[in-house]
N, C-alpha and C. Protein backbone atom coordinates (compact mmCIF):
# COMPACT_ATOMS: atom_id res chain seq x y z
N MET A 1 26.05 2.72 -25.66
CA MET A 1 26.67 2.21 -24.41
C MET A 1 26.67 2.80 -23.33
N LYS A 2 26.09 4.15 -23.00
CA LYS A 2 26.32 4.64 -21.88
C LYS A 2 24.57 4.74 -21.41
N THR A 3 23.90 5.09 -22.60
CA THR A 3 22.62 4.73 -22.15
C THR A 3 22.15 3.55 -21.91
N THR A 4 22.87 2.64 -22.34
CA THR A 4 22.34 1.00 -21.63
C THR A 4 22.72 0.74 -20.14
N GLU A 5 23.67 1.33 -19.89
CA GLU A 5 24.40 1.04 -18.64
C GLU A 5 23.36 2.16 -17.66
N TYR A 6 23.07 3.11 -18.28
CA TYR A 6 22.39 4.35 -17.38
C TYR A 6 20.83 3.99 -17.13
N ALA A 7 20.17 2.86 -18.02
CA ALA A 7 18.97 2.27 -18.27
C ALA A 7 19.08 1.30 -16.75
N ARG A 8 20.26 0.62 -16.95
CA ARG A 8 19.99 -0.33 -16.11
C ARG A 8 20.67 -0.06 -14.62
N ILE A 9 21.03 1.00 -14.67
CA ILE A 9 21.46 1.30 -13.33
C ILE A 9 20.16 2.01 -12.61
N HIS A 10 19.39 3.31 -13.79
CA HIS A 10 18.28 3.47 -13.10
C HIS A 10 17.19 2.57 -12.75
N ASN A 11 17.07 1.32 -13.44
CA ASN A 11 15.95 0.24 -13.10
C ASN A 11 16.55 -0.12 -12.01
N VAL A 12 17.88 -0.70 -11.40
CA VAL A 12 18.11 -1.13 -10.39
C VAL A 12 17.73 -0.11 -9.12
N ILE A 13 18.20 0.95 -9.37
CA ILE A 13 17.78 2.53 -8.33
C ILE A 13 16.53 2.46 -7.78
N GLN A 14 15.09 2.29 -9.21
CA GLN A 14 13.95 2.05 -8.82
C GLN A 14 13.55 1.11 -8.22
N ALA A 15 14.14 -0.40 -8.50
CA ALA A 15 13.82 -1.47 -8.04
C ALA A 15 14.08 -1.59 -6.47
N ASP A 16 15.19 -1.18 -6.29
CA ASP A 16 15.70 -0.73 -4.78
C ASP A 16 14.81 0.10 -4.10
N LYS A 17 14.25 1.00 -4.71
CA LYS A 17 13.50 1.86 -3.67
C LYS A 17 12.00 1.37 -3.41
N SER A 18 11.56 0.47 -4.49
CA SER A 18 10.50 -0.16 -4.73
C SER A 18 10.11 -1.23 -3.39
N VAL A 19 11.23 -1.86 -2.94
CA VAL A 19 11.34 -2.93 -2.03
C VAL A 19 10.73 -2.54 -0.60
N MET A 20 9.63 -3.06 0.01
CA MET A 20 9.37 -3.15 1.09
C MET A 20 9.25 -4.11 1.57
N SER A 21 10.15 -4.17 3.33
CA SER A 21 9.55 -5.45 3.85
C SER A 21 8.13 -5.83 4.83
N GLU A 22 8.37 -7.49 4.83
CA GLU A 22 6.53 -7.75 4.95
C GLU A 22 6.38 -6.98 6.62
N GLY A 23 7.66 -6.85 7.26
CA GLY A 23 7.29 -6.26 8.51
C GLY A 23 6.76 -4.70 8.45
N CYS A 24 7.00 -4.35 7.42
CA CYS A 24 6.88 -2.58 7.37
C CYS A 24 5.50 -2.92 6.44
N LYS A 25 5.03 -3.57 5.79
CA LYS A 25 3.93 -3.72 5.27
C LYS A 25 2.72 -4.18 6.49
N THR A 26 3.12 -4.79 7.09
CA THR A 26 2.44 -5.09 8.41
C THR A 26 2.45 -4.21 9.47
N LEU A 27 2.79 -3.40 9.33
CA LEU A 27 2.86 -2.25 10.45
C LEU A 27 2.11 -0.84 9.74
N ILE A 28 2.21 -1.14 8.28
CA ILE A 28 1.16 0.05 7.36
C ILE A 28 -0.27 -0.19 7.75
N LEU A 29 -0.17 -2.04 7.69
CA LEU A 29 -1.76 -2.31 7.55
C LEU A 29 -2.15 -2.03 8.81
N GLN A 30 -1.40 -2.36 10.04
CA GLN A 30 -2.07 -2.22 11.24
C GLN A 30 -2.83 -0.99 11.48
N ASP A 31 -1.86 -0.06 11.03
CA ASP A 31 -2.03 1.53 11.24
C ASP A 31 -3.62 1.69 10.39
N PHE A 32 -3.88 1.23 8.81
CA PHE A 32 -4.62 1.58 8.28
C PHE A 32 -6.00 0.45 9.24
N MET A 33 -5.52 -0.60 9.81
CA MET A 33 -6.89 -1.17 10.20
C MET A 33 -7.60 -0.53 11.38
N GLN A 34 -6.65 0.35 12.37
CA GLN A 34 -7.23 1.14 13.14
C GLN A 34 -8.49 2.17 12.91
N LYS A 35 -8.33 2.44 11.43
CA LYS A 35 -8.99 3.54 10.60
C LYS A 35 -10.32 3.08 10.26
N PHE A 36 -9.55 1.69 9.30
CA PHE A 36 -10.93 1.30 8.66
C PHE A 36 -12.03 0.80 9.69
N ASN A 37 -11.56 0.04 10.94
CA ASN A 37 -12.71 -0.39 11.86
C ASN A 37 -13.49 0.59 12.38
N ASP A 38 -13.17 2.38 12.37
CA ASP A 38 -14.09 3.29 12.84
C ASP A 38 -15.02 3.25 11.81
N TYR A 39 -15.13 2.72 10.32
CA TYR A 39 -16.14 2.67 9.42
C TYR A 39 -16.89 1.56 9.09
N PHE A 40 -16.10 0.43 9.44
CA PHE A 40 -16.64 -1.06 8.75
C PHE A 40 -16.15 -2.02 9.93
N ASP A 41 -17.22 -3.29 9.58
CA ASP A 41 -16.92 -4.41 10.34
C ASP A 41 -16.10 -5.05 9.47
N VAL A 42 -14.83 -4.88 9.94
CA VAL A 42 -13.88 -5.51 8.85
C VAL A 42 -13.53 -7.16 9.09
N ASN A 43 -13.71 -8.35 8.15
CA ASN A 43 -13.86 -9.77 8.65
C ASN A 43 -12.81 -10.28 7.91
N GLN A 44 -11.85 -9.60 7.32
CA GLN A 44 -10.56 -10.40 7.14
C GLN A 44 -9.34 -9.14 7.00
N THR A 45 -8.18 -9.94 7.57
CA THR A 45 -7.10 -9.20 7.01
C THR A 45 -6.76 -8.37 5.40
N PRO A 46 -6.60 -6.97 5.63
CA PRO A 46 -6.54 -6.59 4.44
C PRO A 46 -5.41 -7.03 3.59
N SER A 47 -5.04 -7.10 2.06
CA SER A 47 -4.06 -7.00 1.43
C SER A 47 -3.49 -5.82 1.13
N LEU A 48 -1.83 -6.01 0.74
CA LEU A 48 -1.26 -4.84 0.44
C LEU A 48 -0.71 -5.03 -1.00
N GLU A 49 -0.40 -4.10 -1.86
CA GLU A 49 -0.02 -4.43 -3.07
C GLU A 49 0.83 -2.73 -3.20
N ILE A 50 2.40 -2.96 -3.82
CA ILE A 50 2.53 -1.42 -4.04
C ILE A 50 3.29 -1.87 -5.59
N THR A 51 3.15 -1.35 -6.30
CA THR A 51 3.95 -1.33 -7.37
C THR A 51 4.32 0.12 -7.86
N ASN A 52 5.60 0.01 -8.68
CA ASN A 52 6.28 1.15 -8.88
C ASN A 52 6.30 1.05 -10.30
N LYS A 53 6.21 2.43 -11.48
CA LYS A 53 5.68 2.11 -12.46
C LYS A 53 6.53 3.95 -12.58
N ASN A 54 7.40 3.81 -13.45
CA ASN A 54 8.19 5.26 -13.96
C ASN A 54 8.31 6.10 -12.49
N GLY A 55 8.65 5.80 -11.80
CA GLY A 55 9.00 6.31 -10.13
C GLY A 55 7.78 6.90 -9.56
N THR A 56 6.64 6.25 -9.76
CA THR A 56 5.35 6.38 -9.48
C THR A 56 4.72 5.44 -9.04
N TYR A 57 4.64 5.36 -7.23
CA TYR A 57 4.05 4.30 -6.48
C TYR A 57 2.46 4.28 -6.71
N ARG A 58 2.17 3.26 -6.82
CA ARG A 58 0.37 2.84 -6.63
C ARG A 58 0.25 1.58 -5.62
N VAL A 59 -0.56 2.32 -4.66
CA VAL A 59 -0.62 1.16 -3.56
C VAL A 59 -2.08 1.15 -3.35
N GLU A 60 -2.47 -0.37 -3.25
CA GLU A 60 -3.63 -0.88 -3.20
C GLU A 60 -3.84 -1.67 -1.77
N ILE A 61 -4.96 -1.37 -1.49
CA ILE A 61 -5.36 -2.10 -0.24
C ILE A 61 -6.58 -2.39 -0.14
N VAL A 62 -6.61 -3.80 -0.14
CA VAL A 62 -8.17 -4.51 -0.28
C VAL A 62 -8.69 -5.17 0.93
N PHE A 63 -10.04 -5.35 1.49
CA PHE A 63 -10.44 -5.78 2.20
C PHE A 63 -11.78 -6.18 2.00
N GLU A 64 -12.35 -7.15 2.96
CA GLU A 64 -13.83 -7.11 3.05
C GLU A 64 -14.35 -6.90 4.12
N ALA A 65 -15.64 -6.49 4.10
CA ALA A 65 -16.22 -6.07 5.45
C ALA A 65 -17.87 -6.65 5.24
N GLU A 66 -17.87 -6.89 6.59
CA GLU A 66 -19.58 -7.36 6.69
C GLU A 66 -20.61 -6.10 6.53
N ARG A 67 -20.30 -5.06 7.02
CA ARG A 67 -21.10 -3.69 7.17
C ARG A 67 -20.60 -2.54 7.40
N ILE A 68 -21.07 -1.78 6.90
CA ILE A 68 -20.58 -0.29 6.74
C ILE A 68 -21.21 0.57 8.16
N LYS A 69 -20.57 0.82 9.19
CA LYS A 69 -20.78 1.30 10.21
C LYS A 69 -21.56 2.74 10.11
N LYS A 70 -22.48 3.07 11.17
CA LYS A 70 -23.34 4.38 10.55
C LYS A 70 -22.65 5.60 11.77
N PHE A 71 -22.28 6.43 11.51
CA PHE A 71 -21.90 7.92 12.00
C PHE A 71 -22.32 8.76 11.87
N HIS A 72 -22.36 9.93 12.12
CA HIS A 72 -22.81 11.33 11.88
C HIS A 72 -21.58 12.17 11.88
N VAL A 73 -21.93 13.30 11.08
CA VAL A 73 -20.92 14.37 10.61
C VAL A 73 -21.64 15.23 11.38
N LEU A 74 -20.48 15.87 12.38
CA LEU A 74 -20.93 16.99 13.21
C LEU A 74 -20.47 18.25 12.07
N ARG A 75 -21.37 19.16 12.33
CA ARG A 75 -20.96 20.31 11.46
C ARG A 75 -20.65 21.52 12.75
C-alpha cells in the first residue's frame, strides 16, 4: 500500500514540476529566436516541446530556416 501511495505522490510531483505555462514557453522562444537569427534566416515561429521522463527533461526546439548565414570565426 505504501509503495502505491509513494508512486502516486511521486508521479504527481513530477507532473507538477514539468508543467510550464504558455507564457513562459513564449519567453523562452523569444530568447532563443534572438540567437537563432544570428545564424539563420528563420521563416517560422519555432515550436517548443518539453517532456519529462524519470526526472530528466527533454527539450526540443524545431524551426525552419531559409538559409544559414555566413559568419567568420575570430581566432
